[in-house]
């Protein structure tokens, strides 16, 4: 009985350790993002914005932090290192903003501690104008 409990505890620790058993970013995207943003990141009008045009948002002052602080990102059930890998994959594969500095686990950890209450009101001004143009 003790051996079984010890094995179960060891499995839980290994599973919950940062990076242990982390899904590849494309799988994490399918599991945590594609339901709203779609399999190709195109978004859904009135539900979730496109991830295909993040370059303008990320170039705006505060845009980098904004993306991490959006509630769906900040409160994702992922470790900060895994979330940073996911965001970097989105930047590289979907957004057209792949030449930006990659997110680090440290900055993701810091910014996600303060999720936005009203993401639309907090959106950086240049990105607000982009949204109104659509």
N, C-alpha and C. Protein backbone atom coordinates (compact mmCIF):
# COMPACT_ATOMS: atom_id res chain seq x y z
N UNK A 1 0.83 -1.19 0.00
CA UNK A 1 0.00 0.00 0.00
C UNK A 1 0.87 1.26 0.00
N UNK A 2 1.92 1.26 0.87
CA UNK A 2 2.81 2.42 0.92
C UNK A 2 3.53 2.61 -0.40
N UNK A 3 3.92 1.52 -1.01
CA UNK A 3 4.62 1.62 -2.29
C UNK A 3 3.73 2.25 -3.35
N UNK A 4 2.46 1.86 -3.37
CA UNK A 4 1.52 2.44 -4.34
C UNK A 4 1.33 3.93 -4.08
N UNK A 5 1.21 4.31 -2.82
CA UNK A 5 1.03 5.73 -2.47
C UNK A 5 2.28 6.52 -2.86
N UNK A 6 3.45 5.94 -2.62
CA UNK A 6 4.70 6.62 -2.97
C UNK A 6 4.80 6.80 -4.48
N UNK A 7 4.43 5.77 -5.23
CA UNK A 7 4.46 5.89 -6.69
C UNK A 7 3.47 6.94 -7.18
N UNK A 8 2.29 6.96 -6.60
CA UNK A 8 1.29 7.96 -6.99
C UNK A 8 1.79 9.36 -6.68
N UNK A 9 2.38 9.55 -5.52
CA UNK A 9 2.90 10.87 -5.14
C UNK A 9 4.03 11.27 -6.06
N UNK A 10 4.92 10.34 -6.40
CA UNK A 10 6.03 10.64 -7.30
C UNK A 10 5.50 11.02 -8.68
N UNK A 11 4.48 10.33 -9.13
CA UNK A 11 3.88 10.67 -10.42
C UNK A 11 3.26 12.04 -10.41
N UNK A 12 2.58 12.40 -9.32
CA UNK A 12 1.97 13.73 -9.22
C UNK A 12 3.04 14.81 -9.24
N UNK A 13 4.14 14.60 -8.48
CA UNK A 13 5.22 15.59 -8.44
C UNK A 13 5.84 15.73 -9.83
N UNK A 14 6.09 14.60 -10.49
CA UNK A 14 6.69 14.67 -11.82
C UNK A 14 5.76 15.36 -12.80
N UNK A 15 4.46 15.08 -12.72
CA UNK A 15 3.50 15.69 -13.63
C UNK A 15 3.36 17.18 -13.38
N UNK A 16 3.41 17.61 -12.12
CA UNK A 16 3.17 19.00 -11.80
C UNK A 16 4.43 19.87 -11.82
N UNK A 17 5.59 19.25 -11.96
CA UNK A 17 6.83 20.03 -12.00
C UNK A 17 6.87 20.87 -13.27
N UNK A 18 7.42 22.10 -13.19
CA UNK A 18 7.47 22.95 -14.37
C UNK A 18 8.16 22.24 -15.53
N UNK A 19 7.50 22.24 -16.65
CA UNK A 19 8.06 21.64 -17.85
C UNK A 19 7.83 20.15 -17.97
N UNK A 20 7.52 19.48 -16.86
CA UNK A 20 7.31 18.04 -16.90
C UNK A 20 5.99 17.74 -17.58
N UNK A 21 6.04 16.96 -18.63
CA UNK A 21 4.82 16.58 -19.31
C UNK A 21 4.14 17.72 -20.04
N UNK A 22 4.85 18.83 -20.24
CA UNK A 22 4.24 19.98 -20.91
C UNK A 22 3.93 19.61 -22.36
N UNK A 23 2.76 19.99 -22.79
CA UNK A 23 2.35 19.73 -24.17
C UNK A 23 3.17 20.59 -25.11
N UNK A 24 3.45 20.10 -26.31
CA UNK A 24 4.10 20.96 -27.31
C UNK A 24 3.21 22.19 -27.53
N UNK A 25 3.79 23.33 -27.88
CA UNK A 25 2.99 24.56 -28.01
C UNK A 25 1.82 24.44 -28.97
N UNK A 26 1.98 23.73 -30.07
CA UNK A 26 0.86 23.62 -31.00
C UNK A 26 -0.30 22.82 -30.39
N UNK A 27 0.03 21.85 -29.55
CA UNK A 27 -1.02 21.10 -28.85
C UNK A 27 -1.66 21.97 -27.77
N UNK A 28 -0.83 22.72 -27.05
CA UNK A 28 -1.37 23.64 -26.03
C UNK A 28 -2.29 24.67 -26.68
N UNK A 29 -1.94 25.14 -27.88
CA UNK A 29 -2.80 26.07 -28.60
C UNK A 29 -4.15 25.41 -28.89
N UNK A 30 -4.12 24.19 -29.42
CA UNK A 30 -5.38 23.49 -29.73
C UNK A 30 -6.23 23.32 -28.48
N UNK A 31 -5.59 23.00 -27.36
CA UNK A 31 -6.32 22.75 -26.12
C UNK A 31 -6.85 24.02 -25.46
N UNK A 32 -6.10 25.10 -25.51
CA UNK A 32 -6.42 26.28 -24.70
C UNK A 32 -6.84 27.51 -25.49
N UNK A 33 -6.61 27.54 -26.79
CA UNK A 33 -6.83 28.78 -27.54
C UNK A 33 -7.76 28.62 -28.74
N UNK A 34 -7.67 27.48 -29.40
CA UNK A 34 -8.36 27.33 -30.68
C UNK A 34 -9.88 27.33 -30.56
N UNK A 35 -10.41 27.04 -29.40
CA UNK A 35 -11.86 27.06 -29.24
C UNK A 35 -12.45 28.42 -29.55
N UNK A 36 -11.74 29.47 -29.22
CA UNK A 36 -12.22 30.84 -29.49
C UNK A 36 -11.51 31.46 -30.70
N UNK A 37 -10.20 31.27 -30.79
CA UNK A 37 -9.43 31.92 -31.85
C UNK A 37 -9.38 31.11 -33.14
N UNK A 38 -9.91 29.89 -33.12
CA UNK A 38 -9.94 29.04 -34.30
C UNK A 38 -8.64 28.30 -34.51
N UNK A 39 -8.68 27.24 -35.28
CA UNK A 39 -7.48 26.43 -35.49
C UNK A 39 -6.36 27.17 -36.20
N UNK A 40 -6.70 28.19 -36.97
CA UNK A 40 -5.68 28.95 -37.70
C UNK A 40 -5.41 30.32 -37.10
N UNK A 41 -6.02 30.63 -35.95
CA UNK A 41 -5.79 31.91 -35.29
C UNK A 41 -6.57 33.06 -35.88
N UNK A 42 -7.49 32.79 -36.79
CA UNK A 42 -8.24 33.86 -37.46
C UNK A 42 -9.25 34.56 -36.56
N UNK A 43 -9.58 33.97 -35.41
CA UNK A 43 -10.52 34.59 -34.49
C UNK A 43 -11.95 34.37 -34.92
N UNK A 44 -12.85 35.01 -34.20
CA UNK A 44 -14.27 34.90 -34.47
C UNK A 44 -14.90 36.25 -34.11
N UNK A 45 -15.49 36.89 -35.09
CA UNK A 45 -16.06 38.23 -34.90
C UNK A 45 -16.97 38.27 -33.68
N UNK A 46 -16.74 39.23 -32.82
CA UNK A 46 -17.55 39.40 -31.63
C UNK A 46 -17.21 38.45 -30.50
N UNK A 47 -16.32 37.49 -30.74
CA UNK A 47 -15.96 36.52 -29.71
C UNK A 47 -14.49 36.65 -29.33
N UNK A 48 -13.61 36.52 -30.30
CA UNK A 48 -12.17 36.57 -30.04
C UNK A 48 -11.47 37.19 -31.25
N UNK A 49 -10.53 38.09 -31.00
CA UNK A 49 -9.83 38.74 -32.11
C UNK A 49 -8.89 37.77 -32.82
N UNK A 50 -8.53 38.15 -34.02
CA UNK A 50 -7.57 37.38 -34.79
C UNK A 50 -6.20 37.46 -34.14
N UNK A 51 -5.49 36.35 -34.15
CA UNK A 51 -4.11 36.33 -33.68
C UNK A 51 -3.16 36.52 -34.86
N UNK A 52 -3.71 36.63 -36.04
CA UNK A 52 -2.92 36.77 -37.25
C UNK A 52 -2.34 38.17 -37.42
N UNK A 53 -2.82 39.11 -36.65
CA UNK A 53 -2.38 40.50 -36.81
C UNK A 53 -1.91 41.09 -35.49
N UNK A 54 -1.09 40.36 -34.78
CA UNK A 54 -0.62 40.84 -33.48
C UNK A 54 0.55 41.81 -33.57
N UNK A 55 1.18 41.92 -34.71
CA UNK A 55 2.37 42.77 -34.83
C UNK A 55 2.07 44.21 -34.40
N UNK A 56 0.94 44.78 -34.83
CA UNK A 56 0.59 46.15 -34.46
C UNK A 56 0.37 46.29 -32.97
N UNK A 57 -0.32 45.35 -32.38
CA UNK A 57 -0.56 45.37 -30.93
C UNK A 57 0.75 45.29 -30.17
N UNK A 58 1.61 44.38 -30.57
CA UNK A 58 2.87 44.18 -29.86
C UNK A 58 3.84 45.33 -30.06
N UNK A 59 3.69 46.08 -31.13
CA UNK A 59 4.56 47.24 -31.37
C UNK A 59 4.10 48.46 -30.56
N UNK A 60 2.85 48.47 -30.13
CA UNK A 60 2.32 49.60 -29.36
C UNK A 60 2.91 49.59 -27.95
N UNK A 61 3.11 50.78 -27.36
CA UNK A 61 3.58 50.82 -25.97
C UNK A 61 2.62 50.02 -25.07
N UNK A 62 3.18 49.12 -24.31
CA UNK A 62 2.38 48.30 -23.41
C UNK A 62 1.73 47.10 -24.06
N UNK A 63 1.90 46.95 -25.37
CA UNK A 63 1.26 45.85 -26.09
C UNK A 63 1.75 44.48 -25.68
N UNK A 64 3.03 44.39 -25.41
CA UNK A 64 3.62 43.11 -25.01
C UNK A 64 3.04 42.63 -23.69
N UNK A 65 2.95 43.52 -22.72
CA UNK A 65 2.36 43.17 -21.43
C UNK A 65 0.86 42.93 -21.58
N UNK A 66 0.20 43.72 -22.40
CA UNK A 66 -1.24 43.58 -22.62
C UNK A 66 -1.59 42.15 -23.02
N UNK A 67 -0.84 41.61 -23.99
CA UNK A 67 -1.15 40.27 -24.49
C UNK A 67 -1.12 39.23 -23.36
N UNK A 68 -0.18 39.35 -22.45
CA UNK A 68 -0.08 38.40 -21.33
C UNK A 68 -1.17 38.65 -20.30
N UNK A 69 -1.60 39.90 -20.15
CA UNK A 69 -2.58 40.26 -19.10
C UNK A 69 -4.03 40.03 -19.51
N UNK A 70 -4.30 39.74 -20.81
CA UNK A 70 -5.66 39.42 -21.23
C UNK A 70 -6.12 38.22 -20.39
N UNK A 71 -7.32 38.28 -19.81
CA UNK A 71 -7.73 37.23 -18.87
C UNK A 71 -7.56 35.80 -19.36
N UNK A 72 -7.90 35.52 -20.61
CA UNK A 72 -7.77 34.16 -21.11
C UNK A 72 -6.33 33.68 -21.14
N UNK A 73 -5.39 34.60 -21.29
CA UNK A 73 -3.97 34.26 -21.28
C UNK A 73 -3.47 34.21 -19.84
N UNK A 74 -3.70 35.30 -19.10
CA UNK A 74 -3.19 35.39 -17.74
C UNK A 74 -3.69 34.25 -16.85
N UNK A 75 -4.91 33.82 -17.08
CA UNK A 75 -5.51 32.80 -16.22
C UNK A 75 -5.50 31.41 -16.84
N UNK A 76 -4.75 31.24 -17.90
CA UNK A 76 -4.64 29.91 -18.52
C UNK A 76 -4.04 28.93 -17.52
N UNK A 77 -4.52 27.70 -17.52
CA UNK A 77 -4.03 26.71 -16.56
C UNK A 77 -2.69 26.11 -17.00
N UNK A 78 -1.72 26.97 -17.24
CA UNK A 78 -0.40 26.56 -17.69
C UNK A 78 0.65 27.21 -16.80
N UNK A 79 1.75 26.53 -16.59
CA UNK A 79 2.88 27.14 -15.90
C UNK A 79 3.39 28.29 -16.76
N UNK A 80 4.00 29.28 -16.14
CA UNK A 80 4.46 30.46 -16.88
C UNK A 80 5.46 30.11 -17.99
N UNK A 81 6.33 29.14 -17.75
CA UNK A 81 7.28 28.74 -18.79
C UNK A 81 6.54 28.12 -19.98
N UNK A 82 5.53 27.30 -19.70
CA UNK A 82 4.75 26.69 -20.77
C UNK A 82 3.94 27.76 -21.52
N UNK A 83 3.41 28.72 -20.78
CA UNK A 83 2.65 29.81 -21.41
C UNK A 83 3.58 30.66 -22.29
N UNK A 84 4.80 30.92 -21.83
CA UNK A 84 5.75 31.67 -22.65
C UNK A 84 6.05 30.91 -23.95
N UNK A 85 6.23 29.59 -23.87
CA UNK A 85 6.46 28.80 -25.08
C UNK A 85 5.26 28.89 -26.03
N UNK A 86 4.06 28.83 -25.46
CA UNK A 86 2.84 28.92 -26.27
C UNK A 86 2.76 30.29 -26.95
N UNK A 87 2.98 31.36 -26.19
CA UNK A 87 2.93 32.71 -26.79
C UNK A 87 3.98 32.87 -27.88
N UNK A 88 5.17 32.36 -27.64
CA UNK A 88 6.23 32.46 -28.65
C UNK A 88 5.86 31.68 -29.91
N UNK A 89 5.20 30.54 -29.74
CA UNK A 89 4.74 29.76 -30.89
C UNK A 89 3.69 30.56 -31.67
N UNK A 90 2.75 31.18 -30.95
CA UNK A 90 1.72 31.99 -31.61
C UNK A 90 2.38 33.13 -32.38
N UNK A 91 3.35 33.79 -31.77
CA UNK A 91 4.05 34.89 -32.47
C UNK A 91 4.73 34.38 -33.73
N UNK A 92 5.42 33.27 -33.61
CA UNK A 92 6.20 32.73 -34.72
C UNK A 92 5.31 32.12 -35.81
N UNK A 93 4.30 31.36 -35.43
CA UNK A 93 3.54 30.57 -36.40
C UNK A 93 2.25 31.23 -36.90
N UNK A 94 1.64 32.08 -36.11
CA UNK A 94 0.33 32.62 -36.48
C UNK A 94 0.29 34.11 -36.72
N UNK A 95 1.11 34.87 -36.00
CA UNK A 95 0.88 36.31 -35.92
C UNK A 95 1.56 37.17 -36.96
N UNK A 96 2.59 36.68 -37.60
CA UNK A 96 3.36 37.54 -38.49
C UNK A 96 4.27 38.47 -37.72
N UNK A 97 4.42 38.24 -36.41
CA UNK A 97 5.28 39.08 -35.58
C UNK A 97 6.42 38.26 -35.00
N UNK A 98 6.85 37.25 -35.72
CA UNK A 98 7.86 36.32 -35.23
C UNK A 98 9.24 36.89 -35.02
N UNK A 99 9.50 38.09 -35.52
CA UNK A 99 10.84 38.66 -35.36
C UNK A 99 10.99 39.42 -34.05
N UNK A 100 9.98 39.42 -33.21
CA UNK A 100 10.05 40.09 -31.92
C UNK A 100 10.80 39.23 -30.91
N UNK A 101 11.31 39.88 -29.87
CA UNK A 101 11.98 39.13 -28.81
C UNK A 101 11.00 38.14 -28.20
N UNK A 102 11.45 36.93 -27.96
CA UNK A 102 10.54 35.94 -27.37
C UNK A 102 10.19 36.30 -25.93
N UNK A 103 9.00 35.87 -25.52
CA UNK A 103 8.60 36.03 -24.12
C UNK A 103 9.46 35.11 -23.25
N UNK A 104 9.75 35.56 -22.05
CA UNK A 104 10.44 34.72 -21.08
C UNK A 104 9.44 34.30 -20.00
N UNK A 105 9.74 33.21 -19.34
CA UNK A 105 8.87 32.75 -18.25
C UNK A 105 8.77 33.81 -17.16
N UNK A 106 9.85 34.53 -16.89
CA UNK A 106 9.85 35.55 -15.85
C UNK A 106 8.90 36.70 -16.15
N UNK A 107 8.93 37.21 -17.37
CA UNK A 107 8.03 38.32 -17.69
C UNK A 107 6.58 37.85 -17.73
N UNK A 108 6.35 36.65 -18.23
CA UNK A 108 4.99 36.11 -18.23
C UNK A 108 4.49 35.98 -16.80
N UNK A 109 5.33 35.44 -15.94
CA UNK A 109 4.96 35.27 -14.52
C UNK A 109 4.59 36.61 -13.89
N UNK A 110 5.39 37.63 -14.14
CA UNK A 110 5.14 38.95 -13.53
C UNK A 110 3.86 39.58 -14.06
N UNK A 111 3.66 39.58 -15.37
CA UNK A 111 2.50 40.26 -15.95
C UNK A 111 1.19 39.54 -15.69
N UNK A 112 1.22 38.23 -15.65
CA UNK A 112 -0.04 37.51 -15.47
C UNK A 112 -0.58 37.62 -14.05
N UNK A 113 0.21 38.13 -13.14
CA UNK A 113 -0.27 38.34 -11.76
C UNK A 113 -1.31 39.45 -11.69
N UNK A 114 -1.37 40.27 -12.73
CA UNK A 114 -2.29 41.41 -12.76
C UNK A 114 -3.16 41.35 -14.02
N UNK A 115 -4.09 40.38 -14.09
CA UNK A 115 -4.91 40.27 -15.31
C UNK A 115 -5.80 41.50 -15.50
N UNK A 116 -6.10 41.79 -16.73
CA UNK A 116 -6.96 42.92 -17.06
C UNK A 116 -8.41 42.60 -16.72
N UNK A 117 -9.10 43.57 -16.18
CA UNK A 117 -10.53 43.41 -15.89
C UNK A 117 -11.37 43.73 -17.11
N UNK A 118 -10.90 44.69 -17.92
CA UNK A 118 -11.62 45.09 -19.13
C UNK A 118 -10.61 45.19 -20.27
N UNK A 119 -10.35 44.07 -20.94
CA UNK A 119 -9.31 44.08 -21.99
C UNK A 119 -9.55 45.07 -23.11
N UNK A 120 -10.79 45.28 -23.51
CA UNK A 120 -11.05 46.23 -24.60
C UNK A 120 -10.71 47.65 -24.20
N UNK A 121 -11.06 48.04 -22.99
CA UNK A 121 -10.75 49.39 -22.52
C UNK A 121 -9.25 49.59 -22.33
N UNK A 122 -8.53 48.53 -22.00
CA UNK A 122 -7.10 48.63 -21.73
C UNK A 122 -6.24 48.45 -22.97
N UNK A 123 -6.85 48.12 -24.10
CA UNK A 123 -6.08 47.86 -25.32
C UNK A 123 -5.30 49.10 -25.72
N UNK A 124 -4.02 48.96 -26.06
CA UNK A 124 -3.23 50.11 -26.49
C UNK A 124 -3.90 50.84 -27.67
N UNK A 125 -3.78 52.16 -27.69
CA UNK A 125 -4.49 53.01 -28.66
C UNK A 125 -4.32 52.59 -30.12
N UNK A 126 -3.10 52.31 -30.62
CA UNK A 126 -3.00 51.91 -32.03
C UNK A 126 -3.81 50.66 -32.34
N UNK A 127 -3.88 49.74 -31.41
CA UNK A 127 -4.65 48.52 -31.64
C UNK A 127 -6.15 48.82 -31.60
N UNK A 128 -6.57 49.79 -30.79
CA UNK A 128 -7.98 50.19 -30.77
C UNK A 128 -8.40 50.69 -32.14
N UNK A 129 -7.54 51.51 -32.77
CA UNK A 129 -7.85 52.04 -34.09
C UNK A 129 -7.94 50.92 -35.11
N UNK A 130 -7.07 49.92 -35.01
CA UNK A 130 -7.11 48.77 -35.92
C UNK A 130 -8.44 48.04 -35.79
N UNK A 131 -8.94 47.89 -34.58
CA UNK A 131 -10.19 47.19 -34.35
C UNK A 131 -11.37 47.97 -34.92
N UNK A 132 -11.37 49.29 -34.75
CA UNK A 132 -12.46 50.11 -35.27
C UNK A 132 -12.51 50.09 -36.79
N UNK A 133 -11.35 49.90 -37.43
CA UNK A 133 -11.29 49.90 -38.88
C UNK A 133 -11.92 48.65 -39.48
N UNK A 134 -12.11 47.60 -38.69
CA UNK A 134 -12.68 46.34 -39.21
C UNK A 134 -14.16 46.32 -39.15
